[in-house]
Each structure stands twice: as C-alpha cells, then as structure tokens.
PDB file of N, CA and C in Angstrom:
ATOM      1  N   MET A   1      50.129  -7.418   9.301  1.00  0.00           N
ATOM      2  CA  MET A   1      50.516  -6.275   9.842  1.00  0.00           C
ATOM      3  C   MET A   1      49.498  -5.061   9.751  1.00  0.00           C
ATOM      4  N   ARG A   2      48.972  -4.462   8.561  1.00  0.00           N
ATOM      5  CA  ARG A   2      48.142  -3.931   8.790  1.00  0.00           C
ATOM      6  C   ARG A   2      47.078  -3.649   9.744  1.00  0.00           C
ATOM      7  N   LEU A   3      46.907  -5.177   9.855  1.00  0.00           N
ATOM      8  CA  LEU A   3      45.843  -5.031  11.153  1.00  0.00           C
ATOM      9  C   LEU A   3      46.646  -3.899  12.425  1.00  0.00           C
ATOM     10  N   LYS A   4      47.992  -4.460  12.652  1.00  0.00           N
ATOM     11  CA  LYS A   4      48.605  -4.210  13.850  1.00  0.00           C
ATOM     12  C   LYS A   4      48.865  -2.675  14.087  1.00  0.00           C
ATOM     13  N   ARG A   5      49.221  -2.403  12.690  1.00  0.00           N
ATOM     14  CA  ARG A   5      49.326  -0.770  12.143  1.00  0.00           C
ATOM     15  C   ARG A   5      47.604   0.151  12.685  1.00  0.00           C
ATOM     16  N   PHE A   6      46.948  -0.462  11.939  1.00  0.00           N
ATOM     17  CA  PHE A   6      45.433   0.067  12.225  1.00  0.00           C
ATOM     18  C   PHE A   6      45.711   0.306  13.616  1.00  0.00           C
ATOM     19  N   ALA A   7      45.447  -1.069  14.853  1.00  0.00           N
ATOM     20  CA  ALA A   7      44.893  -1.606  15.754  1.00  0.00           C
ATOM     21  C   ALA A   7      46.012  -0.052  16.846  1.00  0.00           C
ATOM     22  N   VAL A   8      47.128   0.274  16.434  1.00  0.00           N
ATOM     23  CA  VAL A   8      48.415   1.049  16.857  1.00  0.00           C
ATOM     24  C   VAL A   8      47.560   2.596  17.125  1.00  0.00           C
ATOM     25  N   ALA A   9      47.283   2.511  15.408  1.00  0.00           N
ATOM     26  CA  ALA A   9      47.017   3.889  15.550  1.00  0.00           C
ATOM     27  C   ALA A   9      45.208   4.249  16.123  1.00  0.00           C
ATOM     28  N   LEU A  10      44.459   3.579  16.105  1.00  0.00           N
ATOM     29  CA  LEU A  10      43.560   3.682  16.806  1.00  0.00           C
ATOM     30  C   LEU A  10      43.562   3.725  18.232  1.00  0.00           C
ATOM     31  N   ALA A  11      44.520   2.765  18.937  1.00  0.00           N
ATOM     32  CA  ALA A  11      44.696   3.037  19.937  1.00  0.00           C
ATOM     33  C   ALA A  11      45.708   4.283  20.724  1.00  0.00           C
ATOM     34  N   ALA A  12      46.266   5.046  20.081  1.00  0.00           N
ATOM     35  CA  ALA A  12      46.998   6.867  19.908  1.00  0.00           C
ATOM     36  C   ALA A  12      45.942   7.386  19.651  1.00  0.00           C
ATOM     37  N   ALA A  13      45.125   7.421  19.298  1.00  0.00           N
ATOM     38  CA  ALA A  13      43.501   8.094  18.630  1.00  0.00           C
ATOM     39  C   ALA A  13      43.129   8.170  19.736  1.00  0.00           C
ATOM     40  N   ALA A  14      42.904   6.635  20.283  1.00  0.00           N
ATOM     41  CA  ALA A  14      41.862   7.084  22.023  1.00  0.00           C
ATOM     42  C   ALA A  14      42.469   7.928  22.642  1.00  0.00           C
ATOM     43  N   VAL A  15      43.657   7.917  22.987  1.00  0.00           N
ATOM     44  CA  VAL A  15      44.441   8.099  23.976  1.00  0.00           C
ATOM     45  C   VAL A  15      44.424   9.317  24.412  1.00  0.00           C
ATOM     46  N   ALA A  16      44.556   9.945  22.653  1.00  0.00           N
ATOM     47  CA  ALA A  16      45.058  11.731  22.523  1.00  0.00           C
ATOM     48  C   ALA A  16      43.835  11.863  22.795  1.00  0.00           C
ATOM     49  N   ALA A  17      42.300  11.696  22.218  1.00  0.00           N
ATOM     50  CA  ALA A  17      41.676  11.367  22.479  1.00  0.00           C
ATOM     51  C   ALA A  17      40.668  12.228  23.780  1.00  0.00           C
ATOM     52  N   GLY A  18      40.727  11.402  24.680  1.00  0.00           N
ATOM     53  CA  GLY A  18      40.160  11.105  26.156  1.00  0.00           C
ATOM     54  C   GLY A  18      41.394  11.373  26.904  1.00  0.00           C
ATOM     55  N   GLY A  19      42.194  11.558  26.310  1.00  0.00           N
ATOM     56  CA  GLY A  19      43.965  12.267  27.460  1.00  0.00           C
ATOM     57  C   GLY A  19      43.764  11.359  28.503  1.00  0.00           C
ATOM     58  N   THR A  20      43.277  10.441  28.742  1.00  0.00           N
ATOM     59  CA  THR A  20      44.041   9.476  29.885  1.00  0.00           C
ATOM     60  C   THR A  20      44.688   8.155  29.190  1.00  0.00           C
ATOM     61  N   VAL A  21      45.712   7.905  29.856  1.00  0.00           N
ATOM     62  CA  VAL A  21      46.181   5.921  29.517  1.00  0.00           C
ATOM     63  C   VAL A  21      45.383   5.068  30.146  1.00  0.00           C
ATOM     64  N   VAL A  22      45.375   3.926  29.939  1.00  0.00           N
ATOM     65  CA  VAL A  22      44.857   2.631  29.864  1.00  0.00           C
ATOM     66  C   VAL A  22      45.702   1.585  30.054  1.00  0.00           C
ATOM     67  N   THR A  23      45.630   1.072  31.379  1.00  0.00           N
ATOM     68  CA  THR A  23      47.006  -0.039  31.276  1.00  0.00           C
ATOM     69  C   THR A  23      46.310  -1.074  31.778  1.00  0.00           C
ATOM     70  N   GLY A  24      47.111  -2.310  31.697  1.00  0.00           N
ATOM     71  CA  GLY A  24      46.665  -3.690  32.272  1.00  0.00           C
ATOM     72  C   GLY A  24      45.991  -4.865  31.181  1.00  0.00           C
ATOM     73  N   ALA A  25      44.917  -4.880  31.331  1.00  0.00           N
ATOM     74  CA  ALA A  25      43.962  -5.988  30.749  1.00  0.00           C
ATOM     75  C   ALA A  25      42.887  -5.210  29.477  1.00  0.00           C
ATOM     76  N   ALA A  26      42.981  -3.881  30.084  1.00  0.00           N
ATOM     77  CA  ALA A  26      41.882  -2.921  29.279  1.00  0.00           C
ATOM     78  C   ALA A  26      42.332  -2.279  28.161  1.00  0.00           C
ATOM     79  N   LEU A  27      43.610  -3.177  27.715  1.00  0.00           N
ATOM     80  CA  LEU A  27      43.724  -2.404  26.342  1.00  0.00           C
ATOM     81  C   LEU A  27      43.207  -2.538  25.403  1.00  0.00           C
ATOM     82  N   ALA A  28      42.154  -3.538  25.268  1.00  0.00           N
ATOM     83  CA  ALA A  28      41.090  -3.619  24.565  1.00  0.00           C
ATOM     84  C   ALA A  28      40.334  -2.710  24.233  1.00  0.00           C
ATOM     85  N   ALA A  29      39.870  -1.995  25.752  1.00  0.00           N
ATOM     86  CA  ALA A  29      38.628  -0.852  25.015  1.00  0.00           C
ATOM     87  C   ALA A  29      38.705   0.275  23.991  1.00  0.00           C
ATOM     88  N   PRO A  30      39.832   0.861  24.116  1.00  0.00           N
ATOM     89  CA  PRO A  30      39.717   1.388  22.176  1.00  0.00           C
ATOM     90  C   PRO A  30      38.589   0.935  21.421  1.00  0.00           C
ATOM     91  N   ALA A  31      38.971  -0.407  20.757  1.00  0.00           N
ATOM     92  CA  ALA A  31      38.560  -1.222  19.595  1.00  0.00           C
ATOM     93  C   ALA A  31      36.936  -1.485  20.471  1.00  0.00           C
ATOM     94  N   GLU A  32      36.632  -1.579  20.679  1.00  0.00           N
ATOM     95  CA  GLU A  32      35.435  -1.897  21.729  1.00  0.00           C
ATOM     96  C   GLU A  32      34.508  -0.598  21.918  1.00  0.00           C
ATOM     97  N   ALA A  33      35.390   0.383  22.458  1.00  0.00           N
ATOM     98  CA  ALA A  33      34.524   2.066  22.354  1.00  0.00           C
ATOM     99  C   ALA A  33      33.967   2.327  21.325  1.00  0.00           C
ATOM    100  N   ALA A  34      34.911   1.925  20.416  1.00  0.00           N
ATOM    101  CA  ALA A  34      34.791   2.551  19.146  1.00  0.00           C
ATOM    102  C   ALA A  34      33.195   1.989  18.101  1.00  0.00           C
ATOM    103  N   GLY A  35      33.017   0.645  18.839  1.00  0.00           N
ATOM    104  CA  GLY A  35      31.788   0.085  18.101  1.00  0.00           C
ATOM    105  C   GLY A  35      32.617  -0.826  17.696  1.00  0.00           C
ATOM    106  N   LEU A  36      33.920  -0.685  17.981  1.00  0.00           N
ATOM    107  CA  LEU A  36      34.814  -2.406  16.349  1.00  0.00           C
ATOM    108  C   LEU A  36      35.001  -3.507  17.062  1.00  0.00           C
ATOM    109  N   GLY A  37      33.892  -4.332  17.575  1.00  0.00           N
ATOM    110  CA  GLY A  37      34.002  -5.574  18.594  1.00  0.00           C
ATOM    111  C   GLY A  37      34.287  -6.813  17.831  1.00  0.00           C
ATOM    112  N   CYS A  38      34.815  -6.724  16.753  1.00  0.00           N
ATOM    113  CA  CYS A  38      34.851  -8.235  15.695  1.00  0.00           C
ATOM    114  C   CYS A  38      36.297  -7.617  14.943  1.00  0.00           C
ATOM    115  N   VAL A  39      36.848  -8.825  14.317  1.00  0.00           N
ATOM    116  CA  VAL A  39      37.968  -9.014  13.351  1.00  0.00           C
ATOM    117  C   VAL A  39      37.287 -10.130  12.482  1.00  0.00           C
ATOM    118  N   PHE A  40      37.449  -9.000  11.243  1.00  0.00           N
ATOM    119  CA  PHE A  40      36.491  -9.875  10.080  1.00  0.00           C
ATOM    120  C   PHE A  40      37.639 -10.207   9.279  1.00  0.00           C
ATOM    121  N   LEU A  41      37.780 -11.251   7.909  1.00  0.00           N
ATOM    122  CA  LEU A  41      38.744 -11.552   7.019  1.00  0.00           C
ATOM    123  C   LEU A  41      37.384 -11.639   5.475  1.00  0.00           C
ATOM    124  N   VAL A  42      37.852 -11.132   4.837  1.00  0.00           N
ATOM    125  CA  VAL A  42      37.703 -10.259   3.914  1.00  0.00           C
ATOM    126  C   VAL A  42      37.381 -11.843   2.737  1.00  0.00           C
ATOM    127  N   ARG A  43      35.885 -12.698   2.563  1.00  0.00           N
ATOM    128  CA  ARG A  43      36.430 -13.374   1.295  1.00  0.00           C
ATOM    129  C   ARG A  43      36.383 -12.726   0.536  1.00  0.00           C
ATOM    130  N   HIS A  44      35.785 -11.909  -0.144  1.00  0.00           N
ATOM    131  CA  HIS A  44      35.258 -11.479  -1.905  1.00  0.00           C
ATOM    132  C   HIS A  44      35.566  -9.943  -1.958  1.00  0.00           C
ATOM    133  N   SER A  45      36.153  -9.365  -2.771  1.00  0.00           N
ATOM    134  CA  SER A  45      36.394  -7.878  -2.743  1.00  0.00           C
ATOM    135  C   SER A  45      34.832  -6.733  -2.774  1.00  0.00           C
ATOM    136  N   ALA A  46      34.892  -5.705  -1.794  1.00  0.00           N
ATOM    137  CA  ALA A  46      33.684  -5.605  -2.118  1.00  0.00           C
ATOM    138  C   ALA A  46      33.860  -4.067  -1.530  1.00  0.00           C
ATOM    139  N   PRO A  47      33.065  -3.294  -2.644  1.00  0.00           N
ATOM    140  CA  PRO A  47      33.103  -1.953  -1.743  1.00  0.00           C
ATOM    141  C   PRO A  47      32.430  -1.758  -0.204  1.00  0.00           C
ATOM    142  N   VAL A  48      32.976  -0.341   0.395  1.00  0.00           N
ATOM    143  CA  VAL A  48      32.499   0.080   1.589  1.00  0.00           C
ATOM    144  C   VAL A  48      31.692   1.051   1.448  1.00  0.00           C
ATOM    145  N   LYS A  49      30.346   0.630   1.799  1.00  0.00           N
ATOM    146  CA  LYS A  49      29.071   1.976   1.336  1.00  0.00           C
ATOM    147  C   LYS A  49      28.885   3.404   3.003  1.00  0.00           C
ATOM    148  N   ALA A  50      28.389   4.080   2.486  1.00  0.00           N
ATOM    149  CA  ALA A  50      28.393   5.370   3.220  1.00  0.00           C
ATOM    150  C   ALA A  50      27.276   4.670   4.470  1.00  0.00           C
ATOM    151  N   LYS A  51      25.875   4.103   3.661  1.00  0.00           N
ATOM    152  CA  LYS A  51      24.963   3.744   3.822  1.00  0.00           C
ATOM    153  C   LYS A  51      24.458   2.114   4.408  1.00  0.00           C
ATOM    154  N   PRO A  52      23.608   1.425   5.163  1.00  0.00           N
ATOM    155  CA  PRO A  52      23.995   0.058   4.715  1.00  0.00           C
ATOM    156  C   PRO A  52      22.682  -0.376   3.997  1.00  0.00           C
ATOM    157  N   SER A  53      22.819  -0.180   2.658  1.00  0.00           N
ATOM    158  CA  SER A  53      21.873  -0.454   1.485  1.00  0.00           C
ATOM    159  C   SER A  53      23.101  -0.346   0.338  1.00  0.00           C
ATOM    160  N   ARG A  54      22.646  -0.766  -0.928  1.00  0.00           N
ATOM    161  CA  ARG A  54      22.934  -1.110  -1.873  1.00  0.00           C
ATOM    162  C   ARG A  54      23.510   0.067  -2.745  1.00  0.00           C
ATOM    163  N   LYS A  55      22.452   0.648  -2.633  1.00  0.00           N
ATOM    164  CA  LYS A  55      22.813   2.644  -3.202  1.00  0.00           C
ATOM    165  C   LYS A  55      23.212   3.385  -2.371  1.00  0.00           C
ATOM    166  N   GLY A  56      23.631   2.903  -1.476  1.00  0.00           N
ATOM    167  CA  GLY A  56      24.788   3.952  -1.177  1.00  0.00           C
ATOM    168  C   GLY A  56      26.267   4.205  -1.691  1.00  0.00           C
ATOM    169  N   ARG A  57      26.896   5.483  -0.914  1.00  0.00           N
ATOM    170  CA  ARG A  57      28.143   5.573  -1.744  1.00  0.00           C
ATOM    171  C   ARG A  57      28.949   4.755  -1.418  1.00  0.00           C
ATOM    172  N   ALA A  58      29.938   4.351  -2.558  1.00  0.00           N
ATOM    173  CA  ALA A  58      31.431   4.216  -1.865  1.00  0.00           C
ATOM    174  C   ALA A  58      32.531   4.742  -1.490  1.00  0.00           C
ATOM    175  N   VAL A  59      32.633   4.785  -0.423  1.00  0.00           N
ATOM    176  CA  VAL A  59      33.650   5.695   0.594  1.00  0.00           C
ATOM    177  C   VAL A  59      34.998   5.012   0.370  1.00  0.00           C
ATOM    178  N   ASP A  60      34.948   3.798   0.352  1.00  0.00           N
ATOM    179  CA  ASP A  60      36.267   3.181   0.621  1.00  0.00           C
ATOM    180  C   ASP A  60      36.035   1.512  -0.509  1.00  0.00           C
ATOM    181  N   ARG A  61      37.220   0.523   0.036  1.00  0.00           N
ATOM    182  CA  ARG A  61      36.879  -0.924  -1.081  1.00  0.00           C
ATOM    183  C   ARG A  61      38.129  -1.358   0.097  1.00  0.00           C
ATOM    184  N   LEU A  62      37.321  -2.878  -0.089  1.00  0.00           N
ATOM    185  CA  LEU A  62      37.760  -3.847   0.579  1.00  0.00           C
ATOM    186  C   LEU A  62      38.498  -4.800  -0.653  1.00  0.00           C
ATOM    187  N   ARG A  63      39.712  -5.340   0.036  1.00  0.00           N
ATOM    188  CA  ARG A  63      40.070  -6.460  -1.010  1.00  0.00           C
ATOM    189  C   ARG A  63      40.398  -7.654  -0.279  1.00  0.00           C
ATOM    190  N   ARG A  64      40.246  -8.947  -0.978  1.00  0.00           N
ATOM    191  CA  ARG A  64      39.700 -10.192  -1.212  1.00  0.00           C
ATOM    192  C   ARG A  64      41.073 -10.784   0.102  1.00  0.00           C
ATOM    193  N   GLY A  65      41.075 -11.531   1.313  1.00  0.00           N
ATOM    194  CA  GLY A  65      42.258 -11.488   2.050  1.00  0.00           C
ATOM    195  C   GLY A  65      43.043 -10.451   3.418  1.00  0.00           C
ATOM    196  N   ASP A  66      41.920  -9.155   3.062  1.00  0.00           N
ATOM    197  CA  ASP A  66      42.439  -8.153   4.075  1.00  0.00           C
ATOM    198  C   ASP A  66      41.353  -8.948   5.442  1.00  0.00           C
ATOM    199  N   ARG A  67      42.378  -8.481   6.379  1.00  0.00           N
ATOM    200  CA  ARG A  67      41.212  -8.172   7.552  1.00  0.00           C
ATOM    201  C   ARG A  67      41.073  -6.772   8.321  1.00  0.00           C
ATOM    202  N   THR A  68      40.031  -6.466   8.670  1.00  0.00           N
ATOM    203  CA  THR A  68      39.501  -5.398   9.175  1.00  0.00           C
ATOM    204  C   THR A  68      38.897  -5.325  10.362  1.00  0.00           C
ATOM    205  N   LEU A  69      38.291  -4.486  11.254  1.00  0.00           N
ATOM    206  CA  LEU A  69      37.668  -4.340  12.511  1.00  0.00           C
ATOM    207  C   LEU A  69      36.560  -4.045  12.272  1.00  0.00           C
ATOM    208  N   GLY A  70      35.048  -4.334  12.744  1.00  0.00           N
ATOM    209  CA  GLY A  70      33.929  -3.979  12.425  1.00  0.00           C
ATOM    210  C   GLY A  70      33.386  -4.279  13.700  1.00  0.00           C
ATOM    211  N   SER A  71      31.888  -3.975  13.644  1.00  0.00           N
ATOM    212  CA  SER A  71      30.950  -4.072  14.393  1.00  0.00           C
ATOM    213  C   SER A  71      30.334  -5.264  14.489  1.00  0.00           C
ATOM    214  N   CYS A  72      30.603  -6.215  15.360  1.00  0.00           N
ATOM    215  CA  CYS A  72      29.472  -7.396  15.571  1.00  0.00           C
ATOM    216  C   CYS A  72      28.119  -7.217  15.433  1.00  0.00           C
ATOM    217  N   GLN A  73      27.511  -6.349  15.564  1.00  0.00           N
ATOM    218  CA  GLN A  73      25.887  -6.296  15.193  1.00  0.00           C
ATOM    219  C   GLN A  73      25.781  -5.843  13.792  1.00  0.00           C
ATOM    220  N   GLY A  74      24.380  -6.664  13.409  1.00  0.00           N
ATOM    221  CA  GLY A  74      24.563  -6.232  12.076  1.00  0.00           C
ATOM    222  C   GLY A  74      23.482  -4.826  12.273  1.00  0.00           C
ATOM    223  N   TYR A  75      23.607  -4.407  11.106  1.00  0.00           N
ATOM    224  CA  TYR A  75      22.598  -2.827  10.621  1.00  0.00           C
ATOM    225  C   TYR A  75      21.901  -3.203   9.276  1.00  0.00           C
ATOM    226  N   GLY A  76      21.281  -2.057   8.732  1.00  0.00           N
ATOM    227  CA  GLY A  76      20.282  -2.306   7.686  1.00  0.00           C
ATOM    228  C   GLY A  76      18.885  -3.342   7.662  1.00  0.00           C
ATOM    229  N   GLY A  77      18.867  -3.804   6.236  1.00  0.00           N
ATOM    230  CA  GLY A  77      17.150  -4.641   6.537  1.00  0.00           C
ATOM    231  C   GLY A  77      17.358  -6.266   6.412  1.00  0.00           C
ATOM    232  N   GLY A  78      17.147  -6.877   7.652  1.00  0.00           N
ATOM    233  CA  GLY A  78      17.646  -7.927   7.927  1.00  0.00           C
ATOM    234  C   GLY A  78      18.680  -8.097   8.270  1.00  0.00           C
ATOM    235  N   GLU A  79      19.424  -7.194   8.914  1.00  0.00           N
ATOM    236  CA  GLU A  79      20.652  -6.840   9.605  1.00  0.00           C
ATOM    237  C   GLU A  79      21.701  -8.227   8.416  1.00  0.00           C
ATOM    238  N   LYS A  80      22.094  -7.777   7.751  1.00  0.00           N
ATOM    239  CA  LYS A  80      22.709  -8.025   6.991  1.00  0.00           C
ATOM    240  C   LYS A  80      23.966  -6.987   5.983  1.00  0.00           C
ATOM    241  N   TRP A  81      24.531  -6.510   6.770  1.00  0.00           N
ATOM    242  CA  TRP A  81      25.344  -5.242   6.902  1.00  0.00           C
ATOM    243  C   TRP A  81      25.707  -5.202   8.317  1.00  0.00           C
ATOM    244  N   HIS A  82      26.922  -5.268   8.295  1.00  0.00           N
ATOM    245  CA  HIS A  82      28.220  -5.031   8.962  1.00  0.00           C
ATOM    246  C   HIS A  82      29.297  -3.115   9.043  1.00  0.00           C
ATOM    247  N   LYS A  83      28.925  -2.917  10.237  1.00  0.00           N
ATOM    248  CA  LYS A  83      29.467  -1.337  10.391  1.00  0.00           C
ATOM    249  C   LYS A  83      31.051  -2.011  10.344  1.00  0.00           C
ATOM    250  N   ILE A  84      32.097  -1.368   9.570  1.00  0.00           N
ATOM    251  CA  ILE A  84      33.776  -1.648   9.172  1.00  0.00           C
ATOM    252  C   ILE A  84      34.338  -0.770   9.182  1.00  0.00           C
ATOM    253  N   VAL A  85      36.056  -0.975   9.069  1.00  0.00           N
ATOM    254  CA  VAL A  85      36.294   0.322   8.468  1.00  0.00           C
ATOM    255  C   VAL A  85      37.203  -0.439   7.478  1.00  0.00           C
ATOM    256  N   GLY A  86      37.489   0.595   6.634  1.00  0.00           N
ATOM    257  CA  GLY A  86      37.721  -0.060   5.164  1.00  0.00           C
ATOM    258  C   GLY A  86      39.266   0.085   4.881  1.00  0.00           C
ATOM    259  N   THR A  87      40.275  -0.674   4.142  1.00  0.00           N
ATOM    260  CA  THR A  87      41.357  -1.395   4.398  1.00  0.00           C
ATOM    261  C   THR A  87      41.938  -0.107   3.098  1.00  0.00           C
ATOM    262  N   ARG A  88      41.653   0.679   2.218  1.00  0.00           N
ATOM    263  CA  ARG A  88      42.194   1.603   1.644  1.00  0.00           C
ATOM    264  C   ARG A  88      42.930   2.477   2.029  1.00  0.00           C
ATOM    265  N   ASP A  89      41.364   3.765   2.398  1.00  0.00           N
ATOM    266  CA  ASP A  89      41.716   4.906   3.091  1.00  0.00           C
ATOM    267  C   ASP A  89      41.079   5.159   4.075  1.00  0.00           C
ATOM    268  N   LEU A  90      41.274   3.961   5.055  1.00  0.00           N
ATOM    269  CA  LEU A  90      40.581   3.983   6.636  1.00  0.00           C
ATOM    270  C   LEU A  90      39.056   4.498   6.639  1.00  0.00           C
ATOM    271  N   GLU A  91      38.594   4.011   5.806  1.00  0.00           N
ATOM    272  CA  GLU A  91      37.084   5.012   6.568  1.00  0.00           C
ATOM    273  C   GLU A  91      36.220   4.017   6.608  1.00  0.00           C
ATOM    274  N   ARG A  92      35.128   4.557   7.215  1.00  0.00           N
ATOM    275  CA  ARG A  92      34.215   3.430   8.208  1.00  0.00           C
ATOM    276  C   ARG A  92      32.818   3.535   7.049  1.00  0.00           C
ATOM    277  N   GLY A  93      32.338   2.656   7.179  1.00  0.00           N
ATOM    278  CA  GLY A  93      31.371   2.416   5.926  1.00  0.00           C
ATOM    279  C   GLY A  93      30.735   0.608   6.948  1.00  0.00           C
ATOM    280  N   TYR A  94      29.610   0.603   6.158  1.00  0.00           N
ATOM    281  CA  TYR A  94      28.834  -0.878   5.896  1.00  0.00           C
ATOM    282  C   TYR A  94      29.203  -1.629   4.488  1.00  0.00           C
ATOM    283  N   VAL A  95      29.368  -3.120   5.105  1.00  0.00           N
ATOM    284  CA  VAL A  95      29.592  -3.763   3.677  1.00  0.00           C
ATOM    285  C   VAL A  95      28.857  -4.895   4.285  1.00  0.00           C
ATOM    286  N   ARG A  96      28.406  -5.752   2.970  1.00  0.00           N
ATOM    287  CA  ARG A  96      27.520  -7.009   3.532  1.00  0.00           C
ATOM    288  C   ARG A  96      27.783  -7.708   3.780  1.00  0.00           C
ATOM    289  N   GLN A  97      27.143  -8.842   4.975  1.00  0.00           N
ATOM    290  CA  GLN A  97      27.776  -9.768   5.552  1.00  0.00           C
ATOM    291  C   GLN A  97      28.515 -10.946   4.927  1.00  0.00           C
ATOM    292  N   LYS A  98      27.619 -11.365   3.610  1.00  0.00           N
ATOM    293  CA  LYS A  98      28.320 -11.917   2.839  1.00  0.00           C
ATOM    294  C   LYS A  98      29.920 -12.045   1.791  1.00  0.00           C
ATOM    295  N   HIS A  99      30.441 -10.968   2.396  1.00  0.00           N
ATOM    296  CA  HIS A  99      31.337 -10.319   1.932  1.00  0.00           C
ATOM    297  C   HIS A  99      32.472 -11.169   3.103  1.00  0.00           C
ATOM    298  N   LEU A 100      31.938 -10.861   4.047  1.00  0.00           N
ATOM    299  CA  LEU A 100      33.005 -11.423   5.423  1.00  0.00           C
ATOM    300  C   LEU A 100      33.088 -12.378   6.015  1.00  0.00           C
ATOM    301  N   LYS A 101      33.971 -13.165   6.889  1.00  0.00           N
ATOM    302  CA  LYS A 101      34.157 -14.118   7.805  1.00  0.00           C
ATOM    303  C   LYS A 101      34.379 -13.617   9.535  1.00  0.00           C
ATOM    304  N   ARG A 102      34.151 -14.021   9.552  1.00  0.00           N
ATOM    305  CA  ARG A 102      34.361 -13.484  11.677  1.00  0.00           C
ATOM    306  C   ARG A 102      34.957 -14.341  11.599  1.00  0.00           C
ATOM    307  N   LEU A 103      35.973 -13.482  12.179  1.00  0.00           N
ATOM    308  CA  LEU A 103      37.219 -14.782  13.267  1.00  0.00           C
ATOM    309  C   LEU A 103      37.375 -14.409  14.295  1.00  0.00           C
ATOM    310  N   GLY A 104      36.996 -13.701  15.324  1.00  0.00           N
ATOM    311  CA  GLY A 104      36.648 -13.286  16.192  1.00  0.00           C
ATOM    312  C   GLY A 104      36.352 -11.953  16.974  1.00  0.00           C
ATOM    313  N   THR A 105      36.669 -11.727  18.158  1.00  0.00           N
ATOM    314  CA  THR A 105      36.347 -10.371  18.305  1.00  0.00           C
ATOM    315  C   THR A 105      38.126  -9.766  18.910  1.00  0.00           C
ATOM    316  N   THR A 106      37.720  -8.674  19.261  1.00  0.00           N
ATOM    317  CA  THR A 106      38.926  -7.839  19.198  1.00  0.00           C
ATOM    318  C   THR A 106      40.010  -8.132  21.134  1.00  0.00           C
ATOM    319  N   ARG A 107      38.819  -8.616  21.485  1.00  0.00           N
ATOM    320  CA  ARG A 107      39.200  -9.301  22.949  1.00  0.00           C
ATOM    321  C   ARG A 107      40.482 -10.465  22.670  1.00  0.00           C
ATOM    322  N   GLU A 108      40.183 -11.347  22.006  1.00  0.00           N
ATOM    323  CA  GLU A 108      40.811 -12.667  21.656  1.00  0.00           C
ATOM    324  C   GLU A 108      41.905 -12.435  20.864  1.00  0.00           C
ATOM    325  N   TYR A 109      41.737 -11.420  20.073  1.00  0.00           N
ATOM    326  CA  TYR A 109      43.290 -10.903  19.213  1.00  0.00           C
ATOM    327  C   TYR A 109      44.315  -9.933  19.872  1.00  0.00           C
ATOM    328  N   GLY A 110      43.550  -9.477  21.098  1.00  0.00           N
ATOM    329  CA  GLY A 110      44.471  -8.501  21.995  1.00  0.00           C
ATOM    330  C   GLY A 110      44.687  -6.698  21.533  1.00  0.00           C
ATOM    331  N   LEU A 111      43.726  -6.641  21.032  1.00  0.00           N
ATOM    332  CA  LEU A 111      43.587  -5.553  20.231  1.00  0.00           C
ATOM    333  C   LEU A 111      42.056  -4.102  21.316  1.00  0.00           C
TER     334      LEU A 111
END
C-alpha cells in the first residue's frame, strides 16, 4: 500500500515537473528517470545515510518488511551501497546492500 502511494506521488511529481503526460506502456519512465529502477524488500532495520559510508549522517530510517524503490547500481567502496528512498520521511540516501533484498525492477511491478 505504501509503495503504491509513493509511486503515485512520484508519477504526479514527474508530470508536474515535466509538464507532459506520458501514456501507454511508458508509465514506468518516471521511476527509472529518477534513478529508481529496482524494488527492494528491507531485510533488517537500517539507517538511510546521506553519503555511501558508515560515517554518513542518517537522514531517514528503513524498517524490516518495508518495500522501497532504489537504484540497481551499486555505490561507494566495493559498490555495496544502494541509493534508495527512505520509508519514514521519503528522503533519498544510501543503504548497505546487506539490509536489502532485490525483488525486481520497476517495470516488472508496473511503476
């Protein structure tokens, strides 16, 4: 439910910012254009950091069982961080890969 509300808000923001309406099979474009190409399940509660490092400032929090959107690409040293959207305040940041389980892409979920 929370993921659907987030996807609707993201799509509305993309339409408002771009000023154009995209119809048909290209509805997945706003999430991918924002760099959020994957859907993740949160395995363990984790802080969302401002930088892809352990010393980064926490800007949001993820809780176990939440589903969130994020980048498929890895970041940071060893590429063990993913850029995601937090589930509390919807702030963007980085989370270690060990806390996430990739469920699929936004195209597979129709986002």
